[in-house]
Every structure is written in C-alpha cells, then in structure tokens.
Amino acid sequence: IKMLMPDTALDVSTMQLIIEGGQTALEALSAVVAAGEAGELK
C-alpha cells in the first residue's frame, strides 16, 4: 500500500488495524492484491 498509494494515511501494518480500517482498508487491500496477482509487486 505504501508503494501503490504513497499519499494515503491508511495504516494496515497489523491485522487489528486492517479490521479497524473497515471498508476503506478492504478496498485498498483489494487493489494491492489485484496488483500482486498481475505480477507487479514481486
């Protein structure tokens, strides 16, 4: 997320923070997973 979204204040460094991040965190994670599946973040 820091690489793909350098201006975001979203902190997903722990599972607890991911859960607390709610839909915003899930949408950000979906984006980075899609990039990972595309081979962009090896």
ModelCIF file with pLDDT and N, C-alpha, C, O atoms, coordinates in Angstrom:
data_MODEL
#
_entry.id   MODEL 
#
_entity.id                         1 
_entity.type                       polymer 
_entity.pdbx_number_of_molecules   1 
#
_entity_poly.entity_id                      1 
_entity_poly.type                           'polypeptide(L)' 
_entity_poly.nstd_linkage                   no 
_entity_poly.nstd_monomer                   no 
_entity_poly.pdbx_seq_one_letter_code       IKMLMPDTALDVSTMQLIIEGGQTALEALSAVVAAGEAGELK 
_entity_poly.pdbx_seq_one_letter_code_can   IKMLMPDTALDVSTMQLIIEGGQTALEALSAVVAAGEAGELK 
_entity_poly.pdbx_strand_id                 A 
#
loop_
_entity_poly_seq.entity_id 
_entity_poly_seq.num 
_entity_poly_seq.mon_id 
_entity_poly_seq.hetero 
1 1  ILE n 
1 2  LYS n 
1 3  MET n 
1 4  LEU n 
1 5  MET n 
1 6  PRO n 
1 7  ASP n 
1 8  THR n 
1 9  ALA n 
1 10 LEU n 
1 11 ASP n 
1 12 VAL n 
1 13 SER n 
1 14 THR n 
1 15 MET n 
1 16 GLN n 
1 17 LEU n 
1 18 ILE n 
1 19 ILE n 
1 20 GLU n 
1 21 GLY n 
1 22 GLY n 
1 23 GLN n 
1 24 THR n 
1 25 ALA n 
1 26 LEU n 
1 27 GLU n 
1 28 ALA n 
1 29 LEU n 
1 30 SER n 
1 31 ALA n 
1 32 VAL n 
1 33 VAL n 
1 34 ALA n 
1 35 ALA n 
1 36 GLY n 
1 37 GLU n 
1 38 ALA n 
1 39 GLY n 
1 40 GLU n 
1 41 LEU n 
1 42 LYS n 
#
_struct_asym.id          A 
_struct_asym.entity_id   1 
#
loop_
_ma_qa_metric.id 
_ma_qa_metric.mode 
_ma_qa_metric.name 
_ma_qa_metric.software_group_id 
_ma_qa_metric.type 
1 global pLDDT . pLDDT 
2 local  pLDDT . pLDDT 
#
_ma_qa_metric_global.metric_id      1 
_ma_qa_metric_global.metric_value   95.98 
_ma_qa_metric_global.model_id       1 
_ma_qa_metric_global.ordinal_id     1 
#
loop_
_ma_qa_metric_local.label_asym_id 
_ma_qa_metric_local.label_comp_id 
_ma_qa_metric_local.label_seq_id 
_ma_qa_metric_local.metric_id 
_ma_qa_metric_local.metric_value 
_ma_qa_metric_local.model_id 
_ma_qa_metric_local.ordinal_id 
A ILE 1  2 96.00 1 1  
A LYS 2  2 95.00 1 2  
A MET 3  2 95.00 1 3  
A LEU 4  2 94.00 1 4  
A MET 5  2 95.00 1 5  
A PRO 6  2 94.00 1 6  
A ASP 7  2 93.00 1 7  
A THR 8  2 93.00 1 8  
A ALA 9  2 93.00 1 9  
A LEU 10 2 95.00 1 10 
A ASP 11 2 95.00 1 11 
A VAL 12 2 96.00 1 12 
A SER 13 2 95.00 1 13 
A THR 14 2 97.00 1 14 
A MET 15 2 98.00 1 15 
A GLN 16 2 98.00 1 16 
A LEU 17 2 98.00 1 17 
A ILE 18 2 98.00 1 18 
A ILE 19 2 98.00 1 19 
A GLU 20 2 98.00 1 20 
A GLY 21 2 97.00 1 21 
A GLY 22 2 97.00 1 22 
A GLN 23 2 96.00 1 23 
A THR 24 2 96.00 1 24 
A ALA 25 2 97.00 1 25 
A LEU 26 2 97.00 1 26 
A GLU 27 2 97.00 1 27 
A ALA 28 2 97.00 1 28 
A LEU 29 2 97.00 1 29 
A SER 30 2 97.00 1 30 
A ALA 31 2 96.00 1 31 
A VAL 32 2 96.00 1 32 
A VAL 33 2 97.00 1 33 
A ALA 34 2 97.00 1 34 
A ALA 35 2 97.00 1 35 
A GLY 36 2 97.00 1 36 
A GLU 37 2 97.00 1 37 
A ALA 38 2 96.00 1 38 
A GLY 39 2 94.00 1 39 
A GLU 40 2 93.00 1 40 
A LEU 41 2 95.00 1 41 
A LYS 42 2 94.00 1 42 
#
loop_
_atom_site.group_PDB 
_atom_site.id 
_atom_site.type_symbol 
_atom_site.label_atom_id 
_atom_site.label_alt_id 
_atom_site.label_comp_id 
_atom_site.label_asym_id 
_atom_site.label_entity_id 
_atom_site.label_seq_id 
_atom_site.pdbx_PDB_ins_code 
_atom_site.Cartn_x 
_atom_site.Cartn_y 
_atom_site.Cartn_z 
_atom_site.occupancy 
_atom_site.B_iso_or_equiv 
_atom_site.pdbx_formal_charge 
_atom_site.auth_seq_id 
_atom_site.auth_comp_id 
_atom_site.auth_asym_id 
_atom_site.auth_atom_id 
_atom_site.pdbx_PDB_model_num 
ATOM 1   N N  . ILE A 1 1  ? 0.830   -1.199  0.000   1.00 96.00 ? 1  ILE A N  1 
ATOM 2   C CA . ILE A 1 1  ? 0.000   0.000   0.000   1.00 96.00 ? 1  ILE A CA 1 
ATOM 3   C C  . ILE A 1 1  ? 0.866   1.252   0.000   1.00 96.00 ? 1  ILE A C  1 
ATOM 4   O O  . ILE A 1 1  ? 0.544   2.232   -0.671  1.00 96.00 ? 1  ILE A O  1 
ATOM 5   N N  . LYS A 1 2  ? 1.966   1.223   0.751   1.00 95.00 ? 2  LYS A N  1 
ATOM 6   C CA . LYS A 1 2  ? 2.859   2.387   0.750   1.00 95.00 ? 2  LYS A CA 1 
ATOM 7   C C  . LYS A 1 2  ? 3.454   2.639   -0.639  1.00 95.00 ? 2  LYS A C  1 
ATOM 8   O O  . LYS A 1 2  ? 3.701   3.785   -1.016  1.00 95.00 ? 2  LYS A O  1 
ATOM 9   N N  . MET A 1 3  ? 3.682   1.564   -1.394  1.00 95.00 ? 3  MET A N  1 
ATOM 10  C CA . MET A 1 3  ? 4.240   1.732   -2.732  1.00 95.00 ? 3  MET A CA 1 
ATOM 11  C C  . MET A 1 3  ? 3.191   2.214   -3.722  1.00 95.00 ? 3  MET A C  1 
ATOM 12  O O  . MET A 1 3  ? 3.444   3.123   -4.513  1.00 95.00 ? 3  MET A O  1 
ATOM 13  N N  . LEU A 1 4  ? 2.006   1.598   -3.674  1.00 94.00 ? 4  LEU A N  1 
ATOM 14  C CA . LEU A 1 4  ? 0.977   1.937   -4.649  1.00 94.00 ? 4  LEU A CA 1 
ATOM 15  C C  . LEU A 1 4  ? 0.203   3.197   -4.299  1.00 94.00 ? 4  LEU A C  1 
ATOM 16  O O  . LEU A 1 4  ? -0.318  3.877   -5.183  1.00 94.00 ? 4  LEU A O  1 
ATOM 17  N N  . MET A 1 5  ? 0.125   3.509   -3.003  1.00 95.00 ? 5  MET A N  1 
ATOM 18  C CA . MET A 1 5  ? -0.658  4.655   -2.533  1.00 95.00 ? 5  MET A CA 1 
ATOM 19  C C  . MET A 1 5  ? 0.192   5.491   -1.598  1.00 95.00 ? 5  MET A C  1 
ATOM 20  O O  . MET A 1 5  ? -0.102  5.556   -0.405  1.00 95.00 ? 5  MET A O  1 
ATOM 21  N N  . PRO A 1 6  ? 1.241   6.134   -2.100  1.00 94.00 ? 6  PRO A N  1 
ATOM 22  C CA . PRO A 1 6  ? 2.199   6.828   -1.227  1.00 94.00 ? 6  PRO A CA 1 
ATOM 23  C C  . PRO A 1 6  ? 1.593   7.971   -0.424  1.00 94.00 ? 6  PRO A C  1 
ATOM 24  O O  . PRO A 1 6  ? 2.160   8.364   0.596   1.00 94.00 ? 6  PRO A O  1 
ATOM 25  N N  . ASP A 1 7  ? 0.472   8.509   -0.849  1.00 93.00 ? 7  ASP A N  1 
ATOM 26  C CA . ASP A 1 7  ? -0.121  9.650   -0.155  1.00 93.00 ? 7  ASP A CA 1 
ATOM 27  C C  . ASP A 1 7  ? -1.184  9.242   0.870   1.00 93.00 ? 7  ASP A C  1 
ATOM 28  O O  . ASP A 1 7  ? -1.743  10.100  1.552   1.00 93.00 ? 7  ASP A O  1 
ATOM 29  N N  . THR A 1 8  ? -1.462  7.959   0.982   1.00 93.00 ? 8  THR A N  1 
ATOM 30  C CA . THR A 1 8  ? -2.517  7.531   1.900   1.00 93.00 ? 8  THR A CA 1 
ATOM 31  C C  . THR A 1 8  ? -2.031  7.541   3.347   1.00 93.00 ? 8  THR A C  1 
ATOM 32  O O  . THR A 1 8  ? -0.860  7.292   3.631   1.00 93.00 ? 8  THR A O  1 
ATOM 33  N N  . ALA A 1 9  ? -2.958  7.834   4.247   1.00 93.00 ? 9  ALA A N  1 
ATOM 34  C CA . ALA A 1 9  ? -2.662  7.765   5.681   1.00 93.00 ? 9  ALA A CA 1 
ATOM 35  C C  . ALA A 1 9  ? -3.104  6.430   6.267   1.00 93.00 ? 9  ALA A C  1 
ATOM 36  O O  . ALA A 1 9  ? -2.977  6.205   7.471   1.00 93.00 ? 9  ALA A O  1 
ATOM 37  N N  . LEU A 1 10 ? -3.619  5.550   5.423   1.00 95.00 ? 10 LEU A N  1 
ATOM 38  C CA . LEU A 1 10 ? -4.126  4.265   5.885   1.00 95.00 ? 10 LEU A CA 1 
ATOM 39  C C  . LEU A 1 10 ? -2.991  3.401   6.426   1.00 95.00 ? 10 LEU A C  1 
ATOM 40  O O  . LEU A 1 10 ? -1.969  3.220   5.765   1.00 95.00 ? 10 LEU A O  1 
ATOM 41  N N  . ASP A 1 11 ? -3.179  2.873   7.627   1.00 95.00 ? 11 ASP A N  1 
ATOM 42  C CA . ASP A 1 11 ? -2.181  2.021   8.276   1.00 95.00 ? 11 ASP A CA 1 
ATOM 43  C C  . ASP A 1 11 ? -2.734  0.599   8.340   1.00 95.00 ? 11 ASP A C  1 
ATOM 44  O O  . ASP A 1 11 ? -3.729  0.343   9.018   1.00 95.00 ? 11 ASP A O  1 
ATOM 45  N N  . VAL A 1 12 ? -2.082  -0.323  7.630   1.00 96.00 ? 12 VAL A N  1 
ATOM 46  C CA . VAL A 1 12 ? -2.513  -1.725  7.646   1.00 96.00 ? 12 VAL A CA 1 
ATOM 47  C C  . VAL A 1 12 ? -1.352  -2.614  8.103   1.00 96.00 ? 12 VAL A C  1 
ATOM 48  O O  . VAL A 1 12 ? -1.179  -3.733  7.620   1.00 96.00 ? 12 VAL A O  1 
ATOM 49  N N  . SER A 1 13 ? -0.576  -2.097  9.029   1.00 95.00 ? 13 SER A N  1 
ATOM 50  C CA . SER A 1 13 ? 0.617   -2.811  9.474   1.00 95.00 ? 13 SER A CA 1 
ATOM 51  C C  . SER A 1 13 ? 0.311   -3.966  10.408  1.00 95.00 ? 13 SER A C  1 
ATOM 52  O O  . SER A 1 13 ? 1.172   -4.817  10.630  1.00 95.00 ? 13 SER A O  1 
ATOM 53  N N  . THR A 1 14 ? -0.900  -4.019  10.966  1.00 97.00 ? 14 THR A N  1 
ATOM 54  C CA . THR A 1 14 ? -1.308  -5.148  11.798  1.00 97.00 ? 14 THR A CA 1 
ATOM 55  C C  . THR A 1 14 ? -2.700  -5.604  11.376  1.00 97.00 ? 14 THR A C  1 
ATOM 56  O O  . THR A 1 14 ? -3.452  -4.842  10.769  1.00 97.00 ? 14 THR A O  1 
ATOM 57  N N  . MET A 1 15 ? -3.038  -6.847  11.699  1.00 98.00 ? 15 MET A N  1 
ATOM 58  C CA . MET A 1 15 ? -4.374  -7.345  11.369  1.00 98.00 ? 15 MET A CA 1 
ATOM 59  C C  . MET A 1 15 ? -5.444  -6.539  12.096  1.00 98.00 ? 15 MET A C  1 
ATOM 60  O O  . MET A 1 15 ? -6.510  -6.272  11.540  1.00 98.00 ? 15 MET A O  1 
ATOM 61  N N  . GLN A 1 16 ? -5.162  -6.153  13.337  1.00 98.00 ? 16 GLN A N  1 
ATOM 62  C CA . GLN A 1 16 ? -6.132  -5.361  14.080  1.00 98.00 ? 16 GLN A CA 1 
ATOM 63  C C  . GLN A 1 16 ? -6.427  -4.053  13.357  1.00 98.00 ? 16 GLN A C  1 
ATOM 64  O O  . GLN A 1 16 ? -7.586  -3.646  13.269  1.00 98.00 ? 16 GLN A O  1 
ATOM 65  N N  . LEU A 1 17 ? -5.399  -3.390  12.840  1.00 98.00 ? 17 LEU A N  1 
ATOM 66  C CA . LEU A 1 17 ? -5.600  -2.127  12.129  1.00 98.00 ? 17 LEU A CA 1 
ATOM 67  C C  . LEU A 1 17 ? -6.341  -2.342  10.813  1.00 98.00 ? 17 LEU A C  1 
ATOM 68  O O  . LEU A 1 17 ? -7.146  -1.503  10.410  1.00 98.00 ? 17 LEU A O  1 
ATOM 69  N N  . ILE A 1 18 ? -6.072  -3.466  10.141  1.00 98.00 ? 18 ILE A N  1 
ATOM 70  C CA . ILE A 1 18 ? -6.815  -3.774  8.923   1.00 98.00 ? 18 ILE A CA 1 
ATOM 71  C C  . ILE A 1 18 ? -8.295  -3.900  9.238   1.00 98.00 ? 18 ILE A C  1 
ATOM 72  O O  . ILE A 1 18 ? -9.131  -3.334  8.533   1.00 98.00 ? 18 ILE A O  1 
ATOM 73  N N  . ILE A 1 19 ? -8.619  -4.625  10.272  1.00 98.00 ? 19 ILE A N  1 
ATOM 74  C CA . ILE A 1 19 ? -10.018 -4.832  10.643  1.00 98.00 ? 19 ILE A CA 1 
ATOM 75  C C  . ILE A 1 19 ? -10.668 -3.498  11.021  1.00 98.00 ? 19 ILE A C  1 
ATOM 76  O O  . ILE A 1 19 ? -11.789 -3.206  10.604  1.00 98.00 ? 19 ILE A O  1 
ATOM 77  N N  . GLU A 1 20 ? -9.957  -2.697  11.808  1.00 98.00 ? 20 GLU A N  1 
ATOM 78  C CA . GLU A 1 20 ? -10.488 -1.398  12.211  1.00 98.00 ? 20 GLU A CA 1 
ATOM 79  C C  . GLU A 1 20 ? -10.648 -0.459  11.016  1.00 98.00 ? 20 GLU A C  1 
ATOM 80  O O  . GLU A 1 20 ? -11.466 0.460   11.052  1.00 98.00 ? 20 GLU A O  1 
ATOM 81  N N  . GLY A 1 21 ? -9.876  -0.688  9.970   1.00 97.00 ? 21 GLY A N  1 
ATOM 82  C CA . GLY A 1 21 ? -9.946  0.166   8.787   1.00 97.00 ? 21 GLY A CA 1 
ATOM 83  C C  . GLY A 1 21 ? -11.207 0.005   7.973   1.00 97.00 ? 21 GLY A C  1 
ATOM 84  O O  . GLY A 1 21 ? -11.501 0.827   7.106   1.00 97.00 ? 21 GLY A O  1 
ATOM 85  N N  . GLY A 1 22 ? -11.962 -1.058  8.247   1.00 97.00 ? 22 GLY A N  1 
ATOM 86  C CA . GLY A 1 22 ? -13.261 -1.241  7.616   1.00 97.00 ? 22 GLY A CA 1 
ATOM 87  C C  . GLY A 1 22 ? -13.207 -1.319  6.098   1.00 97.00 ? 22 GLY A C  1 
ATOM 88  O O  . GLY A 1 22 ? -12.267 -1.868  5.523   1.00 97.00 ? 22 GLY A O  1 
ATOM 89  N N  . GLN A 1 23 ? -14.221 -0.767  5.465   1.00 96.00 ? 23 GLN A N  1 
ATOM 90  C CA . GLN A 1 23 ? -14.353 -0.871  4.011   1.00 96.00 ? 23 GLN A CA 1 
ATOM 91  C C  . GLN A 1 23 ? -13.213 -0.171  3.291   1.00 96.00 ? 23 GLN A C  1 
ATOM 92  O O  . GLN A 1 23 ? -12.789 -0.610  2.221   1.00 96.00 ? 23 GLN A O  1 
ATOM 93  N N  . THR A 1 24 ? -12.711 0.919   3.870   1.00 96.00 ? 24 THR A N  1 
ATOM 94  C CA . THR A 1 24 ? -11.589 1.632   3.239   1.00 96.00 ? 24 THR A CA 1 
ATOM 95  C C  . THR A 1 24 ? -10.369 0.726   3.138   1.00 96.00 ? 24 THR A C  1 
ATOM 96  O O  . THR A 1 24 ? -9.705  0.671   2.103   1.00 96.00 ? 24 THR A O  1 
ATOM 97  N N  . ALA A 1 25 ? -10.081 0.016   4.226   1.00 97.00 ? 25 ALA A N  1 
ATOM 98  C CA . ALA A 1 25 ? -8.937  -0.893  4.217   1.00 97.00 ? 25 ALA A CA 1 
ATOM 99  C C  . ALA A 1 25 ? -9.157  -2.051  3.259   1.00 97.00 ? 25 ALA A C  1 
ATOM 100 O O  . ALA A 1 25 ? -8.233  -2.457  2.554   1.00 97.00 ? 25 ALA A O  1 
ATOM 101 N N  . LEU A 1 26 ? -10.365 -2.584  3.225   1.00 97.00 ? 26 LEU A N  1 
ATOM 102 C CA . LEU A 1 26 ? -10.647 -3.715  2.340   1.00 97.00 ? 26 LEU A CA 1 
ATOM 103 C C  . LEU A 1 26 ? -10.501 -3.316  0.871   1.00 97.00 ? 26 LEU A C  1 
ATOM 104 O O  . LEU A 1 26 ? -9.976  -4.085  0.065   1.00 97.00 ? 26 LEU A O  1 
ATOM 105 N N  . GLU A 1 27 ? -10.959 -2.133  0.530   1.00 97.00 ? 27 GLU A N  1 
ATOM 106 C CA . GLU A 1 27 ? -10.828 -1.680  -0.852  1.00 97.00 ? 27 GLU A CA 1 
ATOM 107 C C  . GLU A 1 27 ? -9.365  -1.480  -1.231  1.00 97.00 ? 27 GLU A C  1 
ATOM 108 O O  . GLU A 1 27 ? -8.956  -1.809  -2.345  1.00 97.00 ? 27 GLU A O  1 
ATOM 109 N N  . ALA A 1 28 ? -8.571  -0.935  -0.295  1.00 97.00 ? 28 ALA A N  1 
ATOM 110 C CA . ALA A 1 28 ? -7.143  -0.755  -0.557  1.00 97.00 ? 28 ALA A CA 1 
ATOM 111 C C  . ALA A 1 28 ? -6.448  -2.098  -0.706  1.00 97.00 ? 28 ALA A C  1 
ATOM 112 O O  . ALA A 1 28 ? -5.607  -2.272  -1.588  1.00 97.00 ? 28 ALA A O  1 
ATOM 113 N N  . LEU A 1 29 ? -6.795  -3.043  0.151   1.00 97.00 ? 29 LEU A N  1 
ATOM 114 C CA . LEU A 1 29 ? -6.201  -4.372  0.067   1.00 97.00 ? 29 LEU A CA 1 
ATOM 115 C C  . LEU A 1 29 ? -6.588  -5.059  -1.242  1.00 97.00 ? 29 LEU A C  1 
ATOM 116 O O  . LEU A 1 29 ? -5.763  -5.733  -1.859  1.00 97.00 ? 29 LEU A O  1 
ATOM 117 N N  . SER A 1 30 ? -7.824  -4.892  -1.658  1.00 97.00 ? 30 SER A N  1 
ATOM 118 C CA . SER A 1 30 ? -8.249  -5.490  -2.933  1.00 97.00 ? 30 SER A CA 1 
ATOM 119 C C  . SER A 1 30 ? -7.409  -4.961  -4.085  1.00 97.00 ? 30 SER A C  1 
ATOM 120 O O  . SER A 1 30 ? -7.063  -5.705  -5.003  1.00 97.00 ? 30 SER A O  1 
ATOM 121 N N  . ALA A 1 31 ? -7.083  -3.676  -4.034  1.00 96.00 ? 31 ALA A N  1 
ATOM 122 C CA . ALA A 1 31 ? -6.283  -3.077  -5.099  1.00 96.00 ? 31 ALA A CA 1 
ATOM 123 C C  . ALA A 1 31 ? -4.867  -3.632  -5.113  1.00 96.00 ? 31 ALA A C  1 
ATOM 124 O O  . ALA A 1 31 ? -4.326  -3.925  -6.179  1.00 96.00 ? 31 ALA A O  1 
ATOM 125 N N  . VAL A 1 32 ? -4.259  -3.781  -3.933  1.00 96.00 ? 32 VAL A N  1 
ATOM 126 C CA . VAL A 1 32 ? -2.883  -4.284  -3.918  1.00 96.00 ? 32 VAL A CA 1 
ATOM 127 C C  . VAL A 1 32 ? -2.841  -5.774  -4.247  1.00 96.00 ? 32 VAL A C  1 
ATOM 128 O O  . VAL A 1 32 ? -1.879  -6.248  -4.851  1.00 96.00 ? 32 VAL A O  1 
ATOM 129 N N  . VAL A 1 33 ? -3.878  -6.517  -3.854  1.00 97.00 ? 33 VAL A N  1 
ATOM 130 C CA . VAL A 1 33 ? -3.930  -7.932  -4.218  1.00 97.00 ? 33 VAL A CA 1 
ATOM 131 C C  . VAL A 1 33 ? -4.053  -8.073  -5.734  1.00 97.00 ? 33 VAL A C  1 
ATOM 132 O O  . VAL A 1 33 ? -3.405  -8.930  -6.335  1.00 97.00 ? 33 VAL A O  1 
ATOM 133 N N  . ALA A 1 34 ? -4.878  -7.237  -6.347  1.00 97.00 ? 34 ALA A N  1 
ATOM 134 C CA . ALA A 1 34 ? -5.015  -7.284  -7.806  1.00 97.00 ? 34 ALA A CA 1 
ATOM 135 C C  . ALA A 1 34 ? -3.680  -6.983  -8.481  1.00 97.00 ? 34 ALA A C  1 
ATOM 136 O O  . ALA A 1 34 ? -3.327  -7.613  -9.478  1.00 97.00 ? 34 ALA A O  1 
ATOM 137 N N  . ALA A 1 35 ? -2.940  -6.024  -7.936  1.00 97.00 ? 35 ALA A N  1 
ATOM 138 C CA . ALA A 1 35 ? -1.624  -5.710  -8.489  1.00 97.00 ? 35 ALA A CA 1 
ATOM 139 C C  . ALA A 1 35 ? -0.662  -6.871  -8.287  1.00 97.00 ? 35 ALA A C  1 
ATOM 140 O O  . ALA A 1 35 ? 0.142   -7.188  -9.164  1.00 97.00 ? 35 ALA A O  1 
ATOM 141 N N  . GLY A 1 36 ? -0.754  -7.502  -7.120  1.00 97.00 ? 36 GLY A N  1 
ATOM 142 C CA . GLY A 1 36 ? 0.097   -8.662  -6.856  1.00 97.00 ? 36 GLY A CA 1 
ATOM 143 C C  . GLY A 1 36 ? -0.204  -9.820  -7.781  1.00 97.00 ? 36 GLY A C  1 
ATOM 144 O O  . GLY A 1 36 ? 0.708   -10.490 -8.264  1.00 97.00 ? 36 GLY A O  1 
ATOM 145 N N  . GLU A 1 37 ? -1.488  -10.059 -8.031  1.00 97.00 ? 37 GLU A N  1 
ATOM 146 C CA . GLU A 1 37 ? -1.876  -11.139 -8.937  1.00 97.00 ? 37 GLU A CA 1 
ATOM 147 C C  . GLU A 1 37 ? -1.392  -10.859 -10.362 1.00 97.00 ? 37 GLU A C  1 
ATOM 148 O O  . GLU A 1 37 ? -1.149  -11.783 -11.139 1.00 97.00 ? 37 GLU A O  1 
ATOM 149 N N  . ALA A 1 38 ? -1.257  -9.572  -10.691 1.00 96.00 ? 38 ALA A N  1 
ATOM 150 C CA . ALA A 1 38 ? -0.787  -9.193  -12.023 1.00 96.00 ? 38 ALA A CA 1 
ATOM 151 C C  . ALA A 1 38 ? 0.732   -9.238  -12.132 1.00 96.00 ? 38 ALA A C  1 
ATOM 152 O O  . ALA A 1 38 ? 1.298   -8.942  -13.185 1.00 96.00 ? 38 ALA A O  1 
ATOM 153 N N  . GLY A 1 39 ? 1.385   -9.610  -11.036 1.00 94.00 ? 39 GLY A N  1 
ATOM 154 C CA . GLY A 1 39 ? 2.836   -9.741  -11.057 1.00 94.00 ? 39 GLY A CA 1 
ATOM 155 C C  . GLY A 1 39 ? 3.599   -8.441  -10.895 1.00 94.00 ? 39 GLY A C  1 
ATOM 156 O O  . GLY A 1 39 ? 4.787   -8.368  -11.208 1.00 94.00 ? 39 GLY A O  1 
ATOM 157 N N  . GLU A 1 40 ? 2.912   -7.407  -10.401 1.00 93.00 ? 40 GLU A N  1 
ATOM 158 C CA . GLU A 1 40 ? 3.541   -6.087  -10.312 1.00 93.00 ? 40 GLU A CA 1 
ATOM 159 C C  . GLU A 1 40 ? 4.340   -5.875  -9.022  1.00 93.00 ? 40 GLU A C  1 
ATOM 160 O O  . GLU A 1 40 ? 5.101   -4.912  -8.931  1.00 93.00 ? 40 GLU A O  1 
ATOM 161 N N  . LEU A 1 41 ? 4.188   -6.735  -8.041  1.00 95.00 ? 41 LEU A N  1 
ATOM 162 C CA . LEU A 1 41 ? 4.777   -6.473  -6.717  1.00 95.00 ? 41 LEU A CA 1 
ATOM 163 C C  . LEU A 1 41 ? 5.652   -7.629  -6.243  1.00 95.00 ? 41 LEU A C  1 
ATOM 164 O O  . LEU A 1 41 ? 5.650   -7.962  -5.058  1.00 95.00 ? 41 LEU A O  1 
ATOM 165 N N  . LYS A 1 42 ? 6.385   -8.230  -7.142  1.00 94.00 ? 42 LYS A N  1 
ATOM 166 C CA . LYS A 1 42 ? 7.173   -9.409  -6.795  1.00 94.00 ? 42 LYS A CA 1 
ATOM 167 C C  . LYS A 1 42 ? 8.205   -9.133  -5.713  1.00 94.00 ? 42 LYS A C  1 
ATOM 168 O O  . LYS A 1 42 ? 8.942   -10.037 -5.319  1.00 94.00 ? 42 LYS A O  1 
#
